[in-house]
Structures are given as C-alpha cells and as structure tokens.
Amino acid sequence: METTPVLPPPPTESPTPWNWARKNLFSTWYNCILTVVCLIIAFQTIKGIIVWATTKAQWRVLEANLPLFFAGRFPRESYWRLWIVTAIIALLGGLTWGNIQREERLWNRPTLILLGAAVVGAVISPIDLTSRFYLLASIIAATAGYVAARQINSKIMDWMPTIWILSFPLILWLIKGGLGLREVSTNDWGGLVLTLFLAIISIVLSFPLGVLLALGRQSSLPVVKLFSTLYIEIVRGLPLIGILFLGQVMLQLFLPPEYPRLDRVIRAIAGLTLFSAAYLAENVRGGLQAVPRGQIEAARAIGLNTPLLTILIVLPQALRTVIPAIGGQFIGLFMDTSLLSLFGMLELIGISRAVLANPSYIGRYAEVYIFVGIIYWVFCYSMSLASRKIERTLEVGH
C-alpha cells in the first residue's frame, strides 16, 4: 500500500511593502497603468492643495474669528463657563471611552496617536495663552478619566449613562446662567456650542421617541398602531426644511395669543427631534423584525408579561442589530443642524455666513468652509468610530 508523500508547504513571501505593492498594485500590466495614472493625479492634486494652502490662502480670517466659530456671540467675560463645560464633557468622555476599552491595552497605538495629536494641536493652535491653558486642562481631564475608568469597578461604571444625564442640568446652568451666574440669551449662543447643543439634545430626545414609535407600529392595539404608522409615514414624507420652517415660523401662529413665545432653540430642537424620531423608528422596527420568533414564544412560556418581554428580550436584541443604522441616523442629525442657518440661527454654518459678510473677509469662502468642514468631519468620524467600537464590543454581525 502506497502512502501519499508529505509535501512541504508552499513558499511564502515576506510581508514587505514592496511585496504588498507588487501583489496589489502592479500584478498585471493594466494594474500598473492604473496605479501610475492614479499616483500622478494624486500627486498633482496634493501639490495644488499644498501650494494654495501655503501661498494663496489667507488663514487670518480663521485666526481673527476663532472665538466666533466656537462660541458665537457668547460674552467673552463668561468664556470660563464654556471651558468648564468642556472639561466636564472631556472628563465624562474619557471615563466612557476607558470603560469601553477596558479589555484592551491601556496605551495602545491609536490612543497614543490621538492624545499626541490633541496636545500638539492645543500647543500650536492660534489662541491666547489662557484659552490654551484651558484646552490643555481639558485634555488632561479626558486622559485622567480614561485612566481612572480602567481602575474603577465595572459595576460602578455601569452608572455612566445616569451620570451623563445628571451632568446635563449643570452644563445647561453654566451655559445659560441664572442662579448666581449672568444669564446669557439663546440669541447669543452660536458656533460650535450651539451646534453641539442642538445635536446632542435632539439625539437624546429622538432615541426614546423613535423606539416608542417603532413599538407602537408593531403594537396589537389598533389605535396605537394607526397613530404610530400615520406619524411615521407623514413625517418621512416631508422634507426637514419644511418641518423646521413650521417650527420656527408657523408654530407660534397656531398657539393662543396669550401663550408665551417659545424660545427658538426649543423650536429647533423640537423640529429636529420629531423628524429624526420617524426615521429612527423605522430603523428600530427593522431590528424588531429580526428578533427570532422562537425567543418570544420561549419568553412567554416561562411567564414573562408583555412589558418585561419587550424590555428584557426583544429590545436588547433589536437595538444590538441596528447599531450601524442608528449611528448613521445620529450622524445625519448632527449634520442636519446646518439647515438652521437658513432661519437666522448662528450655528457653525450660520456663523460662517456672518463672518463672510464682513467686508474684510469677502471672498474667503474656501478657507472658512474648509475649516468648518474639518470640524464636521472630526465629530462625525468620532461618532462613527464610537459606533464601530460598540459593534465590536457587542460582537454585532458575528
């Protein structure tokens, strides 16, 4: 009886950059041509951007108006309140991120790169010495929170959502004032502060409302199901600009004359929340339909009533499934705040238009909008990273 000879494994190439490039970029003659053409186009594009940024662009428009981009017309003597808010958010953000990365190394490469970039950016940023000190203090607070989260018991860190909620009244008091602090009208809110405030509050409010609408559309009660379906289909059939117009201009006309005028920030949050909740409800409904029917029947077999079945069995699995869609919806909501500039609100886009209306900076559109675009990209990409991290932590898709 003949035995099959044992053959040695095929030779493997060492994973050098040249071997990778030869395999992926220069494997065939047409790949070589495409690679060379793409490299030429990329080189010329990057070269043109560098030449424009170093010789033609006038970045003084950003340096002179940096406080406006971040705080709008917020009183300068009260900037310290915004820096305290920044430090609180940085500390809580560091605690949250450290808790999410509890199973990984303390100082991995991405964390060190992010920390180094933040410190370098704070040092070279064109701001006054006091603001640079506050910015470095916020970075230190975020780092301290990140390190502390790795040492604190995980059961204590489970209270982080509650801590975030409890911090909101303190943050709102520092921004708006009152109770011993000078009150700042919402008309003076602007720039990044207003954008983040609108986006965060709208996200926090639209999430539970969207979940309730999704559950209502799946309900066996005809009235609840009809109301939820009508709301979702009507709102999804309207453009966001129309809903914001109704909130900013028309809403007050439908209220009694003696009714106090609603603050425009509240009206903007209401419009964004109601619009986003309808789309979020459909995302959550997709997750509800993905929950296996057998698990629902098994939960009923052990005696769980409908509320406990929904809270303990259905919703955790449904939300886990649609994390990517929910993350995309929140990113879209953050960018949708830019539409409020059409109604005179000085968020990031609105403050950019106000800066460009200054005769001294007419024509500096590229510099201003590139800067604003980078800000939007940083926050949207951070939300995307957080969403992917949550997916990996919960092993979505595995």
Protein backbone atom coordinates (compact mmCIF):
# COMPACT_ATOMS: atom_id res chain seq x y z
CA MET A 1 0.00 0.00 0.00
CA GLU A 2 1.49 3.27 -1.12
CA THR A 3 1.44 6.29 1.19
CA THR A 4 0.99 9.83 -0.01
CA PRO A 5 4.25 11.71 0.33
CA VAL A 6 4.24 14.64 2.69
CA LEU A 7 4.94 17.78 0.67
CA PRO A 8 6.50 20.89 2.17
CA PRO A 9 4.25 23.97 2.46
CA PRO A 10 4.40 26.38 -0.47
CA PRO A 11 6.93 29.15 -0.06
CA THR A 12 5.52 32.41 1.24
CA GLU A 13 6.84 35.86 0.53
CA SER A 14 7.87 38.06 3.40
CA PRO A 15 5.24 40.77 4.07
CA THR A 16 7.32 43.71 2.94
CA PRO A 17 5.81 46.90 1.46
CA TRP A 18 7.30 46.06 -1.95
CA ASN A 19 5.73 42.58 -1.98
CA TRP A 20 2.37 44.06 -0.99
CA ALA A 21 2.60 46.70 -3.73
CA ARG A 22 3.62 44.14 -6.36
CA LYS A 23 0.70 41.91 -5.44
CA ASN A 24 -1.99 44.60 -5.16
CA LEU A 25 -0.86 47.48 -7.38
CA PHE A 26 1.43 46.04 -10.06
CA SER A 27 0.13 42.50 -10.53
CA THR A 28 -0.79 42.97 -14.23
CA TRP A 29 0.07 45.43 -16.99
CA TYR A 30 -3.28 47.26 -16.76
CA ASN A 31 -2.97 47.46 -12.96
CA CYS A 32 0.42 49.07 -13.47
CA ILE A 33 -1.09 51.69 -15.82
CA LEU A 34 -3.99 52.42 -13.45
CA THR A 35 -1.63 52.72 -10.49
CA VAL A 36 0.70 55.13 -12.29
CA VAL A 37 -2.21 57.27 -13.53
CA CYS A 38 -3.77 57.41 -10.05
CA LEU A 39 -0.42 58.32 -8.49
CA ILE A 40 0.07 61.16 -10.98
CA ILE A 41 -3.43 62.52 -10.34
CA ALA A 42 -3.00 62.23 -6.56
CA PHE A 43 0.42 63.93 -6.71
CA GLN A 44 -0.87 66.84 -8.78
CA THR A 45 -3.94 67.25 -6.54
CA ILE A 46 -1.93 67.20 -3.30
CA LYS A 47 0.65 69.53 -4.81
CA GLY A 48 -2.03 72.02 -5.83
CA ILE A 49 -3.62 71.93 -2.36
CA ILE A 50 -0.27 72.48 -0.64
CA VAL A 51 0.66 75.36 -2.98
CA TRP A 52 -2.73 77.02 -2.42
CA ALA A 53 -2.65 76.49 1.36
CA THR A 54 0.89 77.90 1.76
CA THR A 55 0.96 80.74 -0.79
CA LYS A 56 -2.56 81.87 -1.70
CA ALA A 57 -4.85 81.07 1.21
CA GLN A 58 -5.40 83.81 3.78
CA TRP A 59 -5.82 81.96 7.06
CA ARG A 60 -6.05 85.17 9.04
CA VAL A 61 -9.83 85.02 8.63
CA LEU A 62 -9.84 81.93 10.89
CA GLU A 63 -7.38 83.28 13.43
CA ALA A 64 -9.29 86.56 13.81
CA ASN A 65 -12.70 84.89 14.14
CA LEU A 66 -11.83 81.70 16.03
CA PRO A 67 -13.91 82.68 19.12
CA LEU A 68 -16.93 83.27 16.86
CA PHE A 69 -16.65 79.83 15.28
CA PHE A 70 -16.63 78.13 18.66
CA ALA A 71 -18.80 80.35 20.88
CA GLY A 72 -20.65 82.78 18.63
CA ARG A 73 -21.61 85.98 20.43
CA PHE A 74 -21.29 84.42 23.88
CA PRO A 75 -19.91 87.10 26.27
CA ARG A 76 -16.11 86.94 26.37
CA GLU A 77 -16.01 87.52 30.11
CA SER A 78 -18.04 84.32 30.53
CA TYR A 79 -15.85 82.10 28.37
CA TRP A 80 -14.60 80.37 31.53
CA ARG A 81 -18.05 78.80 31.86
CA LEU A 82 -17.73 77.20 28.43
CA TRP A 83 -14.27 75.90 29.32
CA ILE A 84 -15.65 74.29 32.49
CA VAL A 85 -18.35 72.66 30.36
CA THR A 86 -15.62 71.42 28.01
CA ALA A 87 -13.67 69.96 30.93
CA ILE A 88 -16.77 68.20 32.31
CA ILE A 89 -17.57 66.66 28.92
CA ALA A 90 -13.91 65.71 28.42
CA LEU A 91 -13.78 64.00 31.82
CA LEU A 92 -17.01 62.06 31.27
CA GLY A 93 -15.97 61.23 27.72
CA GLY A 94 -12.64 59.88 28.98
CA LEU A 95 -14.42 57.77 31.60
CA THR A 96 -16.81 56.39 28.99
CA TRP A 97 -14.09 55.61 26.46
CA GLY A 98 -11.90 53.98 29.08
CA ASN A 99 -14.81 51.79 30.15
CA ILE A 100 -15.50 50.76 26.55
CA GLN A 101 -11.82 49.85 26.02
CA ARG A 102 -11.49 48.05 29.35
CA GLU A 103 -10.45 44.78 27.69
CA GLU A 104 -7.68 46.36 25.58
CA ARG A 105 -4.24 47.65 26.46
CA LEU A 106 -4.13 50.91 28.40
CA TRP A 107 -1.88 52.78 25.98
CA ASN A 108 -2.43 51.28 22.55
CA ARG A 109 -1.22 52.95 19.37
CA PRO A 110 -4.49 54.70 18.33
CA THR A 111 -4.93 56.16 21.82
CA LEU A 112 -1.34 57.47 21.91
CA ILE A 113 -1.70 58.98 18.42
CA LEU A 114 -4.98 60.69 19.38
CA LEU A 115 -3.53 62.02 22.63
CA GLY A 116 -0.37 63.27 20.90
CA ALA A 117 -2.37 64.99 18.15
CA ALA A 118 -4.61 66.67 20.74
CA VAL A 119 -1.63 68.00 22.72
CA VAL A 120 0.19 69.24 19.60
CA GLY A 121 -3.00 70.86 18.34
CA ALA A 122 -3.51 72.64 21.65
CA VAL A 123 0.07 73.90 21.71
CA ILE A 124 0.17 75.25 18.15
CA SER A 125 -3.43 76.49 17.97
CA PRO A 126 -3.73 80.25 17.31
CA ILE A 127 -5.47 81.09 20.60
CA ASP A 128 -4.49 83.19 23.59
CA LEU A 129 -2.45 81.77 26.45
CA THR A 130 -5.42 81.46 28.83
CA SER A 131 -7.51 79.54 26.30
CA ARG A 132 -4.54 77.29 25.53
CA PHE A 133 -4.23 76.55 29.25
CA TYR A 134 -7.93 75.67 29.48
CA LEU A 135 -7.66 73.43 26.41
CA LEU A 136 -4.68 71.55 27.84
CA ALA A 137 -6.56 71.18 31.14
CA SER A 138 -9.49 69.61 29.27
CA ILE A 139 -7.12 67.17 27.56
CA ILE A 140 -5.64 66.27 30.95
CA ALA A 141 -9.18 65.74 32.32
CA ALA A 142 -10.03 63.41 29.44
CA THR A 143 -6.79 61.46 29.95
CA ALA A 144 -7.35 61.21 33.70
CA GLY A 145 -10.89 59.93 33.08
CA TYR A 146 -9.62 57.37 30.59
CA VAL A 147 -7.02 56.04 33.06
CA ALA A 148 -9.40 56.12 36.04
CA ALA A 149 -12.07 54.14 34.16
CA ARG A 150 -9.63 51.22 33.88
CA GLN A 151 -9.18 51.16 37.66
CA ILE A 152 -12.80 51.65 38.76
CA ASN A 153 -15.02 48.62 39.29
CA SER A 154 -17.04 47.82 36.18
CA LYS A 155 -20.27 47.71 38.21
CA ILE A 156 -19.73 51.35 39.18
CA MET A 157 -19.04 52.27 35.54
CA ASP A 158 -22.43 50.85 34.59
CA TRP A 159 -23.84 54.06 36.07
CA MET A 160 -22.16 56.21 33.39
CA PRO A 161 -25.41 56.84 31.42
CA THR A 162 -27.02 58.12 34.63
CA ILE A 163 -24.00 60.33 35.34
CA TRP A 164 -24.24 61.80 31.82
CA ILE A 165 -27.92 62.59 32.40
CA LEU A 166 -27.24 64.16 35.82
CA SER A 167 -24.48 66.34 34.32
CA PHE A 168 -26.90 67.96 31.87
CA PRO A 169 -28.54 70.39 34.38
CA LEU A 170 -25.07 71.55 35.48
CA ILE A 171 -23.95 72.06 31.88
CA LEU A 172 -27.16 73.90 30.99
CA TRP A 173 -26.79 76.14 34.05
CA LEU A 174 -23.22 77.03 33.10
CA ILE A 175 -24.19 77.88 29.51
CA LYS A 176 -27.48 79.67 30.10
CA GLY A 177 -26.73 81.19 33.51
CA GLY A 178 -29.12 82.17 36.26
CA LEU A 179 -28.96 81.20 39.96
CA GLY A 180 -25.95 83.43 40.60
CA LEU A 181 -24.50 83.48 37.10
CA ARG A 182 -25.16 86.13 34.47
CA GLU A 183 -27.92 84.88 32.19
CA VAL A 184 -26.96 84.56 28.52
CA SER A 185 -29.79 84.72 25.99
CA THR A 186 -30.01 81.95 23.43
CA ASN A 187 -29.70 84.69 20.79
CA ASP A 188 -26.06 84.95 21.85
CA TRP A 189 -25.43 81.22 21.54
CA GLY A 190 -23.67 80.31 18.35
CA GLY A 191 -20.93 78.46 16.57
CA LEU A 192 -19.87 75.01 17.70
CA VAL A 193 -21.53 75.45 21.11
CA LEU A 194 -24.98 75.86 19.55
CA THR A 195 -24.41 73.08 17.00
CA LEU A 196 -23.41 70.57 19.68
CA PHE A 197 -26.23 71.63 21.99
CA LEU A 198 -28.85 71.21 19.26
CA ALA A 199 -27.43 67.89 18.07
CA ILE A 200 -26.93 66.27 21.49
CA ILE A 201 -30.35 67.24 22.89
CA SER A 202 -32.09 66.18 19.68
CA ILE A 203 -30.28 62.82 19.68
CA VAL A 204 -31.12 62.17 23.34
CA LEU A 205 -34.80 63.01 22.83
CA SER A 206 -35.30 61.35 19.43
CA PHE A 207 -33.93 57.96 20.51
CA PRO A 208 -36.61 57.02 23.09
CA LEU A 209 -39.32 58.62 20.93
CA GLY A 210 -38.21 56.57 17.92
CA VAL A 211 -38.18 53.37 19.99
CA LEU A 212 -41.70 54.07 21.25
CA LEU A 213 -42.94 54.75 17.72
CA ALA A 214 -41.37 51.52 16.48
CA LEU A 215 -43.03 49.56 19.29
CA GLY A 216 -46.29 51.37 18.60
CA ARG A 217 -46.21 50.39 14.94
CA GLN A 218 -45.74 46.76 16.00
CA SER A 219 -48.47 47.01 18.64
CA SER A 220 -51.62 44.88 18.56
CA LEU A 221 -53.70 47.87 19.72
CA PRO A 222 -55.33 49.35 16.57
CA VAL A 223 -55.37 52.97 17.79
CA VAL A 224 -51.70 52.95 18.86
CA LYS A 225 -50.63 51.21 15.66
CA LEU A 226 -52.62 53.61 13.47
CA PHE A 227 -51.27 56.71 15.21
CA SER A 228 -47.65 55.49 15.04
CA THR A 229 -47.97 54.49 11.38
CA LEU A 230 -49.56 57.79 10.38
CA TYR A 231 -46.92 59.80 12.24
CA ILE A 232 -44.01 57.89 10.73
CA GLU A 233 -45.33 57.97 7.16
CA ILE A 234 -46.39 61.63 7.26
CA VAL A 235 -43.12 62.91 8.77
CA ARG A 236 -40.98 60.74 6.47
CA GLY A 237 -42.87 62.22 3.53
CA LEU A 238 -41.93 65.79 4.48
CA PRO A 239 -38.56 67.47 3.94
CA LEU A 240 -36.69 68.52 7.06
CA ILE A 241 -36.54 72.12 5.85
CA GLY A 242 -40.36 72.18 5.82
CA ILE A 243 -40.62 70.86 9.39
CA LEU A 244 -38.05 73.40 10.59
CA PHE A 245 -40.00 76.16 8.83
CA LEU A 246 -43.18 75.08 10.60
CA GLY A 247 -41.36 75.08 13.93
CA GLN A 248 -39.54 78.38 13.51
CA VAL A 249 -42.17 80.44 11.70
CA MET A 250 -45.62 78.85 11.78
CA LEU A 251 -45.81 77.18 15.20
CA GLN A 252 -46.36 80.41 17.11
CA LEU A 253 -49.28 81.30 14.81
CA PHE A 254 -51.19 78.20 15.95
CA LEU A 255 -50.78 78.99 19.67
CA PRO A 256 -53.11 81.31 21.64
CA PRO A 257 -52.05 84.99 21.64
CA GLU A 258 -51.55 84.96 25.40
CA TYR A 259 -49.25 81.93 25.17
CA PRO A 260 -45.59 82.89 25.82
CA ARG A 261 -43.35 82.84 22.79
CA LEU A 262 -41.32 79.67 22.62
CA ASP A 263 -37.55 80.03 22.51
CA ARG A 264 -36.19 79.48 19.01
CA VAL A 265 -33.66 76.91 20.28
CA ILE A 266 -36.51 74.87 21.77
CA ARG A 267 -38.42 75.09 18.48
CA ALA A 268 -35.34 73.98 16.55
CA ILE A 269 -34.80 71.00 18.88
CA ALA A 270 -38.48 70.06 18.53
CA GLY A 271 -38.26 70.06 14.73
CA LEU A 272 -35.04 68.02 14.62
CA THR A 273 -36.34 65.56 17.23
CA LEU A 274 -39.70 64.93 15.59
CA PHE A 275 -38.09 64.46 12.17
CA SER A 276 -35.30 62.16 13.33
CA ALA A 277 -37.61 60.05 15.50
CA ALA A 278 -39.66 58.97 12.47
CA TYR A 279 -36.59 57.66 10.63
CA LEU A 280 -35.17 56.13 13.80
CA ALA A 281 -38.44 54.30 14.37
CA GLU A 282 -38.11 52.53 11.02
CA ASN A 283 -34.54 51.52 11.83
CA VAL A 284 -35.63 50.08 15.17
CA ARG A 285 -38.61 48.35 13.55
CA GLY A 286 -36.20 46.52 11.28
CA GLY A 287 -34.38 45.29 14.38
CA LEU A 288 -37.63 44.21 15.99
CA GLN A 289 -38.49 42.10 12.96
CA ALA A 290 -35.07 40.44 13.13
CA VAL A 291 -35.66 39.02 16.61
CA PRO A 292 -36.35 35.26 16.22
CA ARG A 293 -39.97 34.36 16.90
CA GLY A 294 -38.87 31.35 18.94
CA GLN A 295 -37.30 33.53 21.60
CA ILE A 296 -40.53 35.49 22.06
CA GLU A 297 -42.51 32.25 22.40
CA ALA A 298 -39.97 30.87 24.87
CA ALA A 299 -40.18 34.04 26.97
CA ARG A 300 -43.96 33.78 27.05
CA ALA A 301 -43.68 30.11 28.01
CA ILE A 302 -41.73 30.98 31.17
CA GLY A 303 -44.38 33.51 32.18
CA LEU A 304 -42.96 36.90 31.11
CA ASN A 305 -45.63 39.53 30.53
CA THR A 306 -45.52 41.88 27.53
CA PRO A 307 -43.60 44.79 29.17
CA LEU A 308 -40.90 42.51 30.59
CA LEU A 309 -40.73 40.56 27.32
CA THR A 310 -40.16 43.79 25.40
CA ILE A 311 -37.64 45.31 27.82
CA LEU A 312 -35.61 42.19 28.65
CA ILE A 313 -35.78 40.08 25.48
CA VAL A 314 -36.89 41.97 22.38
CA LEU A 315 -35.42 45.48 22.65
CA PRO A 316 -31.82 44.49 23.62
CA GLN A 317 -31.56 42.18 20.60
CA ALA A 318 -33.31 44.60 18.24
CA LEU A 319 -31.15 47.58 19.19
CA ARG A 320 -27.99 45.48 19.03
CA THR A 321 -28.84 44.54 15.46
CA VAL A 322 -29.42 48.09 14.21
CA ILE A 323 -26.47 49.85 15.86
CA PRO A 324 -24.92 50.76 12.46
CA ALA A 325 -28.21 52.25 11.22
CA ILE A 326 -28.76 54.19 14.45
CA GLY A 327 -25.20 55.53 14.31
CA GLY A 328 -25.76 56.70 10.74
CA GLN A 329 -29.00 58.39 11.77
CA PHE A 330 -27.28 60.28 14.59
CA ILE A 331 -24.51 61.43 12.24
CA GLY A 332 -27.13 62.65 9.78
CA LEU A 333 -28.93 64.52 12.57
CA PHE A 334 -25.69 66.24 13.57
CA MET A 335 -25.16 67.46 10.02
CA ASP A 336 -28.83 68.46 9.63
CA THR A 337 -28.32 71.19 12.24
CA SER A 338 -26.66 73.21 9.45
CA LEU A 339 -30.11 73.81 7.91
CA LEU A 340 -30.98 76.08 10.82
CA SER A 341 -28.69 78.74 9.36
CA LEU A 342 -31.50 79.41 6.86
CA PHE A 343 -33.60 80.69 9.77
CA GLY A 344 -31.01 83.06 11.15
CA MET A 345 -29.53 80.77 13.79
CA LEU A 346 -25.79 81.29 14.13
CA GLU A 347 -24.61 77.69 14.41
CA LEU A 348 -21.45 76.70 12.52
CA ILE A 349 -22.76 77.41 9.03
CA GLY A 350 -24.68 80.47 10.19
CA ILE A 351 -21.63 81.96 11.91
CA SER A 352 -19.58 81.23 8.79
CA ARG A 353 -22.01 83.22 6.68
CA ALA A 354 -21.86 86.05 9.21
CA VAL A 355 -18.05 86.09 9.07
CA LEU A 356 -18.03 86.07 5.28
CA ALA A 357 -20.46 89.02 5.25
CA ASN A 358 -17.72 91.15 6.82
CA PRO A 359 -16.22 93.33 4.06
CA SER A 360 -12.72 92.48 5.33
CA TYR A 361 -13.22 88.79 4.54
CA ILE A 362 -15.29 88.82 1.37
CA GLY A 363 -14.17 86.04 -0.98
CA ARG A 364 -12.55 83.88 1.70
CA TYR A 365 -15.11 81.11 1.17
CA ALA A 366 -12.59 78.29 0.70
CA GLU A 367 -10.69 78.94 3.92
CA VAL A 368 -13.83 79.27 6.04
CA TYR A 369 -15.74 76.32 4.63
CA ILE A 370 -12.70 74.02 4.67
CA PHE A 371 -12.26 74.82 8.36
CA VAL A 372 -15.96 74.23 9.11
CA GLY A 373 -15.90 71.03 7.03
CA ILE A 374 -12.97 69.72 9.08
CA ILE A 375 -14.90 70.38 12.30
CA TYR A 376 -17.93 68.49 10.99
CA TRP A 377 -15.71 65.64 9.80
CA VAL A 378 -13.94 65.31 13.17
CA PHE A 379 -17.19 64.98 15.09
CA CYS A 380 -18.90 62.73 12.53
CA TYR A 381 -15.86 60.46 12.27
CA SER A 382 -15.65 60.29 16.08
CA MET A 383 -19.29 59.20 16.19
CA SER A 384 -18.56 56.61 13.51
CA LEU A 385 -15.58 55.26 15.48
CA ALA A 386 -17.67 55.05 18.64
CA SER A 387 -20.41 53.20 16.74
CA ARG A 388 -17.92 50.67 15.33
CA LYS A 389 -16.36 50.21 18.76
CA ILE A 390 -19.78 49.44 20.27
CA GLU A 391 -20.40 46.99 17.41
CA ARG A 392 -17.15 45.16 18.15
CA THR A 393 -17.83 45.17 21.89
CA LEU A 394 -21.27 43.62 21.37
CA GLU A 395 -19.96 41.41 18.52
CA VAL A 396 -22.59 42.63 16.08
CA GLY A 397 -22.52 40.57 12.90
CA HIS A 398 -20.72 37.57 14.47
